[in-house]
């Protein structure tokens, strides 16, 4: 999952969001979470279904898209650019 661009890559594209992410656990990829305790908090929340995926209504999607557009027009970076390939510009065999 694309945690860096969650608002655009997940919420805006698929009209779903994560609800109930545990307090005290950064919203980053689980493989990058620092301590075992935080991983267990997240695992327990997912198992207990206090953290779950929720589908957005069309009105909620419209509101979210409008908020993102307002941020874009204000000059804020909404989507982080992807890293350029290390072999960009190099001819490849066919």
Protein backbone atom coordinates (compact mmCIF):
# COMPACT_ATOMS: atom_id res chain seq x y z
CA UNK A 1 0.00 0.00 0.00
CA UNK A 2 1.17 3.52 -0.74
CA UNK A 3 1.37 5.11 2.73
CA UNK A 4 3.22 8.22 1.48
CA UNK A 5 0.41 9.18 -0.88
CA UNK A 6 -2.47 7.64 1.07
CA UNK A 7 -4.87 10.55 0.46
CA UNK A 8 -4.54 10.43 -3.31
CA UNK A 9 -3.47 6.86 -4.07
CA UNK A 10 -5.94 5.10 -1.77
CA UNK A 11 -8.76 7.36 -0.56
CA UNK A 12 -9.26 9.34 -3.77
CA UNK A 13 -8.69 6.40 -6.14
CA UNK A 14 -10.52 3.57 -4.37
CA UNK A 15 -13.00 5.51 -2.17
CA UNK A 16 -11.99 3.64 1.00
CA UNK A 17 -10.14 4.64 4.14
CA UNK A 18 -8.68 3.04 7.24
CA UNK A 19 -10.67 3.80 10.38
CA UNK A 20 -9.39 3.27 13.89
CA UNK A 21 -5.62 3.29 13.40
CA UNK A 22 -4.18 2.80 16.92
CA UNK A 23 -3.10 5.86 18.92
CA UNK A 24 0.64 6.16 19.34
CA UNK A 25 1.43 4.20 16.16
CA UNK A 26 2.69 6.29 13.23
CA UNK A 27 0.71 5.91 10.02
CA UNK A 28 3.52 4.31 8.03
CA UNK A 29 4.14 0.96 6.42
CA UNK A 30 4.08 -1.79 9.07
CA UNK A 31 7.51 -2.91 7.89
CA UNK A 32 8.87 0.51 8.94
CA UNK A 33 7.24 0.63 12.38
CA UNK A 34 10.03 0.74 14.93
CA UNK A 35 9.01 -1.40 17.89
CA UNK A 36 7.40 -4.77 18.39
CA UNK A 37 4.93 -3.19 20.82
CA UNK A 38 3.60 -0.86 18.12
CA UNK A 39 3.29 -3.73 15.65
CA UNK A 40 1.35 -5.73 18.23
CA UNK A 41 -0.96 -2.75 18.86
CA UNK A 42 -1.72 -2.58 15.15
CA UNK A 43 -2.15 -6.35 14.85
CA UNK A 44 -4.49 -6.44 17.85
CA UNK A 45 -6.56 -3.57 16.45
CA UNK A 46 -6.89 -5.34 13.11
CA UNK A 47 -7.80 -8.66 14.74
CA UNK A 48 -10.36 -7.03 17.05
CA UNK A 49 -11.71 -5.10 14.06
CA UNK A 50 -11.32 -1.74 15.78
CA UNK A 51 -9.09 -0.83 12.82
CA UNK A 52 -10.84 -1.58 9.53
CA UNK A 53 -11.43 -0.45 5.96
CA UNK A 54 -14.54 1.65 5.42
CA UNK A 55 -16.09 2.46 2.06
CA UNK A 56 -16.80 6.15 1.48
CA UNK A 57 -20.08 7.45 0.17
CA UNK A 58 -20.01 9.45 -3.07
CA UNK A 59 -20.60 12.62 -1.03
CA UNK A 60 -17.60 11.85 1.22
CA UNK A 61 -15.42 11.20 -1.83
CA UNK A 62 -16.52 14.53 -3.34
CA UNK A 63 -15.73 16.34 -0.09
CA UNK A 64 -12.31 14.68 0.18
CA UNK A 65 -11.49 15.53 -3.45
CA UNK A 66 -12.57 19.14 -2.88
CA UNK A 67 -10.26 19.35 0.17
CA UNK A 68 -7.36 17.99 -1.87
CA UNK A 69 -8.09 20.43 -4.70
CA UNK A 70 -8.12 23.31 -2.21
CA UNK A 71 -4.71 22.20 -0.90
CA UNK A 72 -3.38 21.93 -4.46
CA UNK A 73 -4.62 25.41 -5.37
CA UNK A 74 -3.03 26.78 -2.18
CA UNK A 75 0.30 25.46 -3.42
CA UNK A 76 0.66 22.58 -0.98
CA UNK A 77 2.24 19.34 -2.19
CA UNK A 78 -0.53 16.74 -2.00
CA UNK A 79 1.25 13.87 -3.68
CA UNK A 80 4.92 13.09 -3.15
CA UNK A 81 6.74 12.37 -6.41
CA UNK A 82 8.07 8.89 -7.00
CA UNK A 83 11.78 8.28 -6.89
CA UNK A 84 13.45 8.36 -10.32
CA UNK A 85 14.76 5.02 -11.56
CA UNK A 86 18.50 4.56 -11.22
CA UNK A 87 18.71 3.48 -14.86
CA UNK A 88 16.52 6.25 -16.26
CA UNK A 89 17.71 7.44 -19.65
CA UNK A 90 19.78 4.32 -20.28
CA UNK A 91 18.99 2.25 -23.36
CA UNK A 92 17.73 -1.23 -22.52
CA UNK A 93 18.09 -4.43 -24.54
CA UNK A 94 15.07 -5.61 -26.42
